[in-house]
Amino acid sequence: RGYKEFYGRNFTVNKNVLIPRPESEAIIDILKELSKPPQHILDVGTGSGALAITAALELPGSSVEACDIDRQALSVAKQNAMKLNTNITFFKSDLSLSSKKKYNYIMANLPYVDETWQTSPETKFEPSIALFAKDNGLELIKKLIVQSQEKLQKNGFLLLEADPRQHQEIIDFAKDYGFSLFKKQDYIVTLRS
């Protein structure tokens, strides 16, 4: 159990969540660049809640929801939201986004590491469910792309974190579901519906 700074704020982290990393901050930068509040924003695979909470604080007046497959991760996210005084709707979900709502933005830092890749030492202290995915690390990202076509408003944006080596495959896959590339920046791929 400890703390990790993300976008200038301290977030509680423990063995149930991925430690927020600086490269994920680019999602917030892109969101701020694109967004004129109020917006409807969904964070998928929220973990510690760092992305959702930061989006709520940086884009006041926006409606932010966040989901995760893991109840313990959601508990950490809720603690962080209370500590940072944000009003976010959290719910448990395994990527089957069943709500009837449509969002302007869906953002996600889902597991994208292929199990054959060399990983950094800090990953020993993080849940493997938050790091690794099948299909060269793209299984969950591809599932989210398929789900998102129904959940995004027209001209909505899907912001995904992935290894730059995976970006072209993500872009090619997303085109089959009506998405176009808006921007590639560092670890972030931004797709437009």
C-alpha atoms as a PDB file:
ATOM      1  CA  ARG A   1       0.000   0.000   0.000  1.00  0.00           C
ATOM      2  CA  GLY A   2       1.294   3.437  -0.840  1.00  0.00           C
ATOM      3  CA  TYR A   3       0.815   6.553  -2.954  1.00  0.00           C
ATOM      4  CA  LYS A   4       1.685   7.526  -6.502  1.00  0.00           C
ATOM      5  CA  GLU A   5       1.515  10.991  -8.015  1.00  0.00           C
ATOM      6  CA  PHE A   6      -0.508  11.382 -11.207  1.00  0.00           C
ATOM      7  CA  TYR A   7      -1.116  14.750 -12.870  1.00  0.00           C
ATOM      8  CA  GLY A   8       0.054  16.535  -9.720  1.00  0.00           C
ATOM      9  CA  ARG A   9      -2.218  14.635  -7.313  1.00  0.00           C
ATOM     10  CA  ASN A  10      -1.509  11.749  -4.944  1.00  0.00           C
ATOM     11  CA  PHE A  11      -3.422   8.510  -5.492  1.00  0.00           C
ATOM     12  CA  THR A  12      -3.624   5.583  -3.103  1.00  0.00           C
ATOM     13  CA  VAL A  13      -2.358   2.375  -4.724  1.00  0.00           C
ATOM     14  CA  ASN A  14      -2.032  -1.195  -3.498  1.00  0.00           C
ATOM     15  CA  LYS A  15      -1.497  -4.714  -4.841  1.00  0.00           C
ATOM     16  CA  ASN A  16      -4.964  -4.668  -6.460  1.00  0.00           C
ATOM     17  CA  VAL A  17      -4.273  -1.850  -8.939  1.00  0.00           C
ATOM     18  CA  LEU A  18      -1.782  -0.862 -11.594  1.00  0.00           C
ATOM     19  CA  ILE A  19       0.544   1.910 -10.473  1.00  0.00           C
ATOM     20  CA  PRO A  20      -0.359   5.021 -12.534  1.00  0.00           C
ATOM     21  CA  ARG A  21       2.423   5.857 -14.972  1.00  0.00           C
ATOM     22  CA  PRO A  22       3.476   9.215 -16.425  1.00  0.00           C
ATOM     23  CA  GLU A  23       2.745   8.104 -20.024  1.00  0.00           C
ATOM     24  CA  SER A  24      -0.953   7.782 -19.108  1.00  0.00           C
ATOM     25  CA  GLU A  25      -1.071  11.520 -18.342  1.00  0.00           C
ATOM     26  CA  ALA A  26      -1.083  12.142 -22.116  1.00  0.00           C
ATOM     27  CA  ILE A  27      -4.669  10.798 -22.192  1.00  0.00           C
ATOM     28  CA  ILE A  28      -5.718  13.704 -19.960  1.00  0.00           C
ATOM     29  CA  ASP A  29      -3.744  16.199 -22.071  1.00  0.00           C
ATOM     30  CA  ILE A  30      -5.493  14.992 -25.250  1.00  0.00           C
ATOM     31  CA  LEU A  31      -8.889  14.975 -23.520  1.00  0.00           C
ATOM     32  CA  LYS A  32      -8.388  18.594 -22.411  1.00  0.00           C
ATOM     33  CA  GLU A  33      -7.261  19.577 -25.905  1.00  0.00           C
ATOM     34  CA  LEU A  34     -10.359  18.003 -27.518  1.00  0.00           C
ATOM     35  CA  SER A  35     -12.982  18.687 -24.917  1.00  0.00           C
ATOM     36  CA  LYS A  36     -15.353  21.530 -24.247  1.00  0.00           C
ATOM     37  CA  PRO A  37     -17.154  20.662 -20.994  1.00  0.00           C
ATOM     38  CA  PRO A  38     -19.629  19.458 -20.096  1.00  0.00           C
ATOM     39  CA  GLN A  39     -18.986  16.042 -21.597  1.00  0.00           C
ATOM     40  CA  HIS A  40     -19.966  12.449 -20.904  1.00  0.00           C
ATOM     41  CA  ILE A  41     -16.780  10.478 -20.267  1.00  0.00           C
ATOM     42  CA  LEU A  42     -16.252   6.777 -19.534  1.00  0.00           C
ATOM     43  CA  ASP A  43     -13.030   5.286 -18.157  1.00  0.00           C
ATOM     44  CA  VAL A  44     -12.818   1.535 -18.815  1.00  0.00           C
ATOM     45  CA  GLY A  45     -10.517  -0.527 -16.584  1.00  0.00           C
ATOM     46  CA  THR A  46     -10.226   2.321 -14.093  1.00  0.00           C
ATOM     47  CA  GLY A  47      -7.950   0.581 -11.556  1.00  0.00           C
ATOM     48  CA  SER A  48      -6.927   3.262  -9.034  1.00  0.00           C
ATOM     49  CA  GLY A  49      -9.313   5.716 -10.695  1.00  0.00           C
ATOM     50  CA  ALA A  50      -6.463   8.058 -11.659  1.00  0.00           C
ATOM     51  CA  LEU A  51      -7.737   8.763 -15.197  1.00  0.00           C
ATOM     52  CA  ALA A  52     -11.417   9.146 -14.273  1.00  0.00           C
ATOM     53  CA  ILE A  53     -10.745  11.318 -11.231  1.00  0.00           C
ATOM     54  CA  THR A  54      -8.254  13.509 -13.075  1.00  0.00           C
ATOM     55  CA  ALA A  55     -10.711  13.933 -15.978  1.00  0.00           C
ATOM     56  CA  ALA A  56     -13.435  15.005 -13.530  1.00  0.00           C
ATOM     57  CA  LEU A  57     -11.119  17.527 -11.863  1.00  0.00           C
ATOM     58  CA  GLU A  58      -9.602  18.908 -15.075  1.00  0.00           C
ATOM     59  CA  LEU A  59     -12.938  19.125 -16.964  1.00  0.00           C
ATOM     60  CA  PRO A  60     -15.360  20.530 -14.374  1.00  0.00           C
ATOM     61  CA  GLY A  61     -19.026  20.003 -15.109  1.00  0.00           C
ATOM     62  CA  SER A  62     -18.401  16.816 -17.069  1.00  0.00           C
ATOM     63  CA  SER A  63     -20.189  13.607 -16.197  1.00  0.00           C
ATOM     64  CA  VAL A  64     -17.602  10.884 -15.548  1.00  0.00           C
ATOM     65  CA  GLU A  65     -18.242   7.174 -15.122  1.00  0.00           C
ATOM     66  CA  ALA A  66     -15.665   4.458 -14.548  1.00  0.00           C
ATOM     67  CA  CYS A  67     -15.722   0.683 -14.565  1.00  0.00           C
ATOM     68  CA  ASP A  68     -13.422  -2.194 -13.720  1.00  0.00           C
ATOM     69  CA  ILE A  69     -13.751  -5.971 -13.672  1.00  0.00           C
ATOM     70  CA  ASP A  70     -12.214  -6.164 -10.190  1.00  0.00           C
ATOM     71  CA  ARG A  71     -14.188  -5.195  -7.068  1.00  0.00           C
ATOM     72  CA  GLN A  72     -11.016  -4.565  -5.050  1.00  0.00           C
ATOM     73  CA  ALA A  73      -9.731  -2.156  -7.698  1.00  0.00           C
ATOM     74  CA  LEU A  74     -13.094  -0.353  -7.634  1.00  0.00           C
ATOM     75  CA  SER A  75     -12.776  -0.039  -3.862  1.00  0.00           C
ATOM     76  CA  VAL A  76      -9.394   1.709  -4.277  1.00  0.00           C
ATOM     77  CA  ALA A  77     -10.843   3.982  -7.000  1.00  0.00           C
ATOM     78  CA  LYS A  78     -13.786   4.950  -4.766  1.00  0.00           C
ATOM     79  CA  GLN A  79     -11.407   5.789  -1.893  1.00  0.00           C
ATOM     80  CA  ASN A  80      -9.359   8.004  -4.215  1.00  0.00           C
ATOM     81  CA  ALA A  81     -12.498   9.723  -5.538  1.00  0.00           C
ATOM     82  CA  MET A  82     -13.659  10.497  -1.982  1.00  0.00           C
ATOM     83  CA  LYS A  83     -10.199  11.694  -0.942  1.00  0.00           C
ATOM     84  CA  LEU A  84     -10.009  14.016  -3.964  1.00  0.00           C
ATOM     85  CA  ASN A  85     -13.642  15.127  -3.603  1.00  0.00           C
ATOM     86  CA  THR A  86     -14.917  14.029  -7.016  1.00  0.00           C
ATOM     87  CA  ASN A  87     -18.342  12.773  -7.981  1.00  0.00           C
ATOM     88  CA  ILE A  88     -17.861   9.746 -10.244  1.00  0.00           C
ATOM     89  CA  THR A  89     -20.201   6.838 -10.909  1.00  0.00           C
ATOM     90  CA  PHE A  90     -18.268   3.579 -10.539  1.00  0.00           C
ATOM     91  CA  PHE A  91     -19.580   0.205 -11.701  1.00  0.00           C
ATOM     92  CA  LYS A  92     -18.317  -3.343 -12.141  1.00  0.00           C
ATOM     93  CA  SER A  93     -18.037  -4.453 -15.766  1.00  0.00           C
ATOM     94  CA  ASP A  94     -16.028  -6.880 -17.866  1.00  0.00           C
ATOM     95  CA  LEU A  95     -16.091  -4.748 -21.045  1.00  0.00           C
ATOM     96  CA  SER A  96     -19.658  -5.686 -21.887  1.00  0.00           C
ATOM     97  CA  LEU A  97     -20.774  -2.088 -21.671  1.00  0.00           C
ATOM     98  CA  SER A  98     -24.443  -2.695 -21.091  1.00  0.00           C
ATOM     99  CA  SER A  99     -25.566   0.790 -20.122  1.00  0.00           C
ATOM    100  CA  LYS A 100     -27.817   2.515 -22.630  1.00  0.00           C
ATOM    101  CA  LYS A 101     -25.848   5.753 -22.304  1.00  0.00           C
ATOM    102  CA  LYS A 102     -23.701   7.155 -25.074  1.00  0.00           C
ATOM    103  CA  TYR A 103     -20.454   8.942 -24.334  1.00  0.00           C
ATOM    104  CA  ASN A 104     -18.447  11.704 -26.014  1.00  0.00           C
ATOM    105  CA  TYR A 105     -15.217  10.085 -24.847  1.00  0.00           C
ATOM    106  CA  ILE A 106     -14.212   6.596 -23.807  1.00  0.00           C
ATOM    107  CA  MET A 107     -10.702   6.270 -22.426  1.00  0.00           C
ATOM    108  CA  ALA A 108      -8.867   3.141 -21.378  1.00  0.00           C
ATOM    109  CA  ASN A 109      -5.529   1.946 -20.141  1.00  0.00           C
ATOM    110  CA  LEU A 110      -6.350  -1.747 -20.463  1.00  0.00           C
ATOM    111  CA  PRO A 111      -3.851  -4.592 -20.143  1.00  0.00           C
ATOM    112  CA  TYR A 112      -1.764  -4.522 -23.339  1.00  0.00           C
ATOM    113  CA  VAL A 113       1.459  -6.323 -22.431  1.00  0.00           C
ATOM    114  CA  ASP A 114       2.119  -9.580 -24.263  1.00  0.00           C
ATOM    115  CA  GLU A 115       3.318 -12.257 -21.824  1.00  0.00           C
ATOM    116  CA  THR A 116       6.475 -12.819 -23.897  1.00  0.00           C
ATOM    117  CA  TRP A 117       7.665  -9.221 -23.447  1.00  0.00           C
ATOM    118  CA  GLN A 118      10.310  -8.259 -20.932  1.00  0.00           C
ATOM    119  CA  THR A 119       8.679  -6.216 -18.168  1.00  0.00           C
ATOM    120  CA  SER A 120      10.006  -3.661 -15.697  1.00  0.00           C
ATOM    121  CA  PRO A 121      10.747  -4.685 -12.075  1.00  0.00           C
ATOM    122  CA  GLU A 122       7.764  -2.732 -10.672  1.00  0.00           C
ATOM    123  CA  THR A 123       5.358  -5.100 -12.453  1.00  0.00           C
ATOM    124  CA  LYS A 124       6.180  -7.769  -9.851  1.00  0.00           C
ATOM    125  CA  PHE A 125       4.065  -5.787  -7.380  1.00  0.00           C
ATOM    126  CA  GLU A 126       1.083  -5.293  -9.693  1.00  0.00           C
ATOM    127  CA  PRO A 127      -1.828  -7.602 -10.516  1.00  0.00           C
ATOM    128  CA  SER A 128      -1.158  -9.580 -13.711  1.00  0.00           C
ATOM    129  CA  ILE A 129      -4.834  -9.095 -14.690  1.00  0.00           C
ATOM    130  CA  ALA A 130      -4.032  -5.367 -15.054  1.00  0.00           C
ATOM    131  CA  LEU A 131      -0.952  -5.927 -17.233  1.00  0.00           C
ATOM    132  CA  PHE A 132      -1.145  -8.906 -19.561  1.00  0.00           C
ATOM    133  CA  ALA A 133      -3.489  -9.756 -22.425  1.00  0.00           C
ATOM    134  CA  LYS A 134      -3.649 -12.449 -25.100  1.00  0.00           C
ATOM    135  CA  ASP A 135      -3.543 -11.879 -28.878  1.00  0.00           C
ATOM    136  CA  ASN A 136      -0.169 -10.075 -28.751  1.00  0.00           C
ATOM    137  CA  GLY A 137      -1.518  -7.969 -25.880  1.00  0.00           C
ATOM    138  CA  LEU A 138      -4.511  -6.705 -27.883  1.00  0.00           C
ATOM    139  CA  GLU A 139      -7.369  -9.001 -26.834  1.00  0.00           C
ATOM    140  CA  LEU A 140      -9.076  -6.516 -24.498  1.00  0.00           C
ATOM    141  CA  ILE A 141      -8.356  -3.444 -26.611  1.00  0.00           C
ATOM    142  CA  LYS A 142      -9.999  -5.127 -29.614  1.00  0.00           C
ATOM    143  CA  LYS A 143     -13.013  -6.090 -27.478  1.00  0.00           C
ATOM    144  CA  LEU A 144     -13.356  -2.485 -26.325  1.00  0.00           C
ATOM    145  CA  ILE A 145     -13.164  -1.172 -29.895  1.00  0.00           C
ATOM    146  CA  VAL A 146     -16.036  -3.479 -30.887  1.00  0.00           C
ATOM    147  CA  GLN A 147     -18.092  -2.408 -27.835  1.00  0.00           C
ATOM    148  CA  SER A 148     -17.322   1.287 -28.272  1.00  0.00           C
ATOM    149  CA  GLN A 149     -18.903   1.651 -31.697  1.00  0.00           C
ATOM    150  CA  GLU A 150     -22.310   1.348 -29.983  1.00  0.00           C
ATOM    151  CA  LYS A 151     -21.396   3.444 -26.950  1.00  0.00           C
ATOM    152  CA  LEU A 152     -19.841   6.533 -28.513  1.00  0.00           C
ATOM    153  CA  GLN A 153     -21.849   9.460 -29.796  1.00  0.00           C
ATOM    154  CA  LYS A 154     -21.310  10.452 -33.424  1.00  0.00           C
ATOM    155  CA  ASN A 155     -17.859  12.018 -33.728  1.00  0.00           C
ATOM    156  CA  GLY A 156     -16.951  10.688 -30.298  1.00  0.00           C
ATOM    157  CA  PHE A 157     -13.407   9.727 -29.386  1.00  0.00           C
ATOM    158  CA  LEU A 158     -11.811   6.548 -28.084  1.00  0.00           C
ATOM    159  CA  LEU A 159      -8.488   7.168 -26.310  1.00  0.00           C
ATOM    160  CA  LEU A 160      -6.384   4.034 -25.832  1.00  0.00           C
ATOM    161  CA  GLU A 161      -3.019   3.461 -24.214  1.00  0.00           C
ATOM    162  CA  ALA A 162      -0.883   0.799 -25.889  1.00  0.00           C
ATOM    163  CA  ASP A 163       2.708   0.110 -26.799  1.00  0.00           C
ATOM    164  CA  PRO A 164       3.680   2.065 -29.946  1.00  0.00           C
ATOM    165  CA  ARG A 165       4.563  -1.289 -31.594  1.00  0.00           C
ATOM    166  CA  GLN A 166       0.837  -2.146 -31.400  1.00  0.00           C
ATOM    167  CA  HIS A 167      -0.566   1.110 -32.768  1.00  0.00           C
ATOM    168  CA  GLN A 168      -0.810   0.150 -36.442  1.00  0.00           C
ATOM    169  CA  GLU A 169      -2.607  -3.114 -35.683  1.00  0.00           C
ATOM    170  CA  ILE A 170      -5.065  -1.216 -33.448  1.00  0.00           C
ATOM    171  CA  ILE A 171      -5.701   1.397 -36.154  1.00  0.00           C
ATOM    172  CA  ASP A 172      -6.231  -1.255 -38.846  1.00  0.00           C
ATOM    173  CA  PHE A 173      -8.599  -3.243 -36.616  1.00  0.00           C
ATOM    174  CA  ALA A 174     -10.562  -0.125 -35.619  1.00  0.00           C
ATOM    175  CA  LYS A 175     -11.124   0.893 -39.263  1.00  0.00           C
ATOM    176  CA  ASP A 176     -13.231  -2.255 -39.708  1.00  0.00           C
ATOM    177  CA  TYR A 177     -15.552  -0.894 -36.992  1.00  0.00           C
ATOM    178  CA  GLY A 178     -16.013   2.589 -38.408  1.00  0.00           C
ATOM    179  CA  PHE A 179     -13.207   4.378 -36.550  1.00  0.00           C
ATOM    180  CA  SER A 180     -10.598   6.639 -38.093  1.00  0.00           C
ATOM    181  CA  LEU A 181      -7.265   7.663 -36.650  1.00  0.00           C
ATOM    182  CA  PHE A 182      -7.384  11.112 -35.090  1.00  0.00           C
ATOM    183  CA  LYS A 183      -3.950  11.188 -33.467  1.00  0.00           C
ATOM    184  CA  LYS A 184      -1.020   9.026 -32.356  1.00  0.00           C
ATOM    185  CA  GLN A 185       1.077  10.439 -29.536  1.00  0.00           C
ATOM    186  CA  ASP A 186       3.640   8.457 -27.544  1.00  0.00           C
ATOM    187  CA  TYR A 187       1.679   5.563 -26.009  1.00  0.00           C
ATOM    188  CA  ILE A 188      -1.767   6.949 -26.871  1.00  0.00           C
ATOM    189  CA  VAL A 189      -3.909   6.204 -29.926  1.00  0.00           C
ATOM    190  CA  THR A 190      -6.941   8.486 -30.338  1.00  0.00           C
ATOM    191  CA  LEU A 191      -9.679   7.170 -32.633  1.00  0.00           C
ATOM    192  CA  ARG A 192     -12.748   9.037 -33.870  1.00  0.00           C
ATOM    193  CA  SER A 193     -16.095   7.310 -34.338  1.00  0.00           C
END
